[in-house]
Amino acid sequence: MQTRTALVMSRNHDLNRYGITHIEEGILFAIQAIGNKATPSEISRWLLRKPHSIFDVLRRMERKGLIINVKDLDRKNLVRVGMTEKGWQIYSQVKQREAIQHPGDDEWNRTVSL
């Protein structure tokens, strides 16, 4: 088994408690970082993925109730992506868990200097 595959499987196992995959986690983090201007194309650029692969995941996330697609009022052919309340809850839980598992740089430096 390749290292990348093992890491992805491990991460997906960790995220299984929240009902999401590593790609869905990345999309939630990208939406939060981009803000209310998030589009499927912008998300795919953030995640270094081809747009068609992101569209399928976005559809699945919308069915799960994690995100919502809204047509842009100014540009009719543009879709904006936002998180639902459920998406924000999962994002917050994952982010909080990551902060607990991975100490900040200051804590790491103090530990190393001991």
Protein backbone atom coordinates (compact mmCIF):
# COMPACT_ATOMS: atom_id res chain seq x y z
CA MET A 1 0.00 0.00 0.00
CA GLN A 2 1.32 3.43 -0.86
CA THR A 3 1.84 6.00 1.86
CA ARG A 4 -0.67 8.44 0.36
CA THR A 5 -3.39 5.79 0.25
CA ALA A 6 -2.70 4.81 3.86
CA LEU A 7 -2.91 8.45 4.97
CA VAL A 8 -6.17 9.04 3.09
CA MET A 9 -7.70 5.87 4.53
CA SER A 10 -6.63 6.88 8.04
CA ARG A 11 -8.03 10.39 7.62
CA ASN A 12 -11.32 9.08 6.25
CA HIS A 13 -11.54 6.72 9.22
CA ASP A 14 -11.09 9.69 11.60
CA LEU A 15 -13.69 11.76 9.74
CA ASN A 16 -16.20 8.91 9.59
CA ARG A 17 -17.53 9.94 13.03
CA TYR A 18 -18.70 13.21 11.40
CA GLY A 19 -20.10 11.50 8.31
CA ILE A 20 -17.71 13.18 5.86
CA THR A 21 -14.66 12.26 3.77
CA HIS A 22 -11.33 14.03 3.48
CA ILE A 23 -12.44 15.70 0.24
CA GLU A 24 -15.63 16.97 1.89
CA GLU A 25 -13.55 18.25 4.80
CA GLY A 26 -11.32 20.13 2.36
CA ILE A 27 -14.35 21.64 0.66
CA LEU A 28 -15.79 22.84 3.98
CA PHE A 29 -12.46 24.43 4.89
CA ALA A 30 -12.18 26.04 1.44
CA ILE A 31 -15.71 27.47 1.66
CA GLN A 32 -14.92 28.94 5.07
CA ALA A 33 -11.65 30.44 3.81
CA ILE A 34 -13.09 31.87 0.58
CA GLY A 35 -16.23 33.18 2.25
CA ASN A 36 -19.44 34.21 0.53
CA LYS A 37 -17.74 34.39 -2.88
CA ALA A 38 -17.07 30.64 -3.03
CA THR A 39 -17.85 29.05 -6.38
CA PRO A 40 -17.27 25.46 -7.49
CA SER A 41 -14.43 26.62 -9.76
CA GLU A 42 -12.75 28.59 -6.97
CA ILE A 43 -13.06 25.62 -4.59
CA SER A 44 -11.48 23.33 -7.19
CA ARG A 45 -8.55 25.75 -7.55
CA TRP A 46 -8.08 25.86 -3.78
CA LEU A 47 -8.02 22.06 -3.58
CA LEU A 48 -5.93 21.61 -6.74
CA ARG A 49 -8.64 19.42 -8.28
CA LYS A 50 -10.32 19.39 -11.65
CA PRO A 51 -13.68 21.21 -11.55
CA HIS A 52 -15.71 18.18 -12.69
CA SER A 53 -14.47 16.12 -9.73
CA ILE A 54 -15.57 18.85 -7.28
CA PHE A 55 -19.04 19.18 -8.84
CA ASP A 56 -19.88 15.57 -8.01
CA VAL A 57 -18.75 15.96 -4.40
CA LEU A 58 -20.69 19.24 -4.06
CA ARG A 59 -23.87 17.52 -5.25
CA ARG A 60 -23.36 14.78 -2.67
CA MET A 61 -22.70 17.35 0.06
CA GLU A 62 -25.85 19.25 -0.88
CA ARG A 63 -27.89 16.03 -0.57
CA LYS A 64 -26.33 15.48 2.88
CA GLY A 65 -27.40 18.99 3.89
CA LEU A 66 -23.85 20.31 4.41
CA ILE A 67 -23.87 23.01 1.74
CA ILE A 68 -26.29 25.03 -0.32
CA ASN A 69 -25.89 26.21 -3.91
CA VAL A 70 -27.30 29.66 -4.62
CA LYS A 71 -27.52 31.33 -8.03
CA ASP A 72 -25.63 34.61 -8.14
CA LEU A 73 -28.03 37.53 -8.54
CA ASP A 74 -25.59 39.59 -10.62
CA ARG A 75 -24.35 36.82 -12.88
CA LYS A 76 -27.10 34.35 -13.73
CA ASN A 77 -24.73 31.62 -14.94
CA LEU A 78 -22.72 31.64 -11.68
CA VAL A 79 -23.43 29.54 -8.60
CA ARG A 80 -22.21 30.44 -5.12
CA VAL A 81 -21.60 27.74 -2.53
CA GLY A 82 -22.28 28.26 1.17
CA MET A 83 -22.38 26.10 4.25
CA THR A 84 -25.61 25.18 5.98
CA GLU A 85 -25.94 25.13 9.76
CA LYS A 86 -25.14 21.41 9.69
CA GLY A 87 -22.04 22.11 7.58
CA TRP A 88 -20.87 24.81 10.02
CA GLN A 89 -21.38 22.44 12.97
CA ILE A 90 -19.28 19.72 11.37
CA TYR A 91 -16.64 22.24 10.27
CA SER A 92 -16.41 23.57 13.85
CA GLN A 93 -16.19 20.09 15.37
CA VAL A 94 -13.44 18.98 12.99
CA LYS A 95 -11.52 22.24 13.47
CA GLN A 96 -11.78 21.97 17.26
CA ARG A 97 -10.61 18.36 17.19
CA GLU A 98 -7.66 19.32 14.97
CA ALA A 99 -6.66 22.10 17.38
CA ILE A 100 -6.66 19.60 20.23
CA GLN A 101 -4.71 16.93 18.32
CA HIS A 102 -2.15 19.32 16.81
CA PRO A 103 -0.72 21.81 19.28
CA GLY A 104 0.21 25.27 18.03
CA ASP A 105 3.74 26.25 17.10
CA ASP A 106 4.36 27.85 20.48
CA GLU A 107 3.44 24.69 22.35
CA TRP A 108 5.51 22.59 19.95
CA ASN A 109 8.57 24.82 20.41
CA ARG A 110 8.22 24.69 24.21
CA THR A 111 7.99 20.89 24.06
CA VAL A 112 11.03 20.58 21.81
CA SER A 113 13.11 22.90 23.99
CA LEU A 114 12.48 20.74 27.08
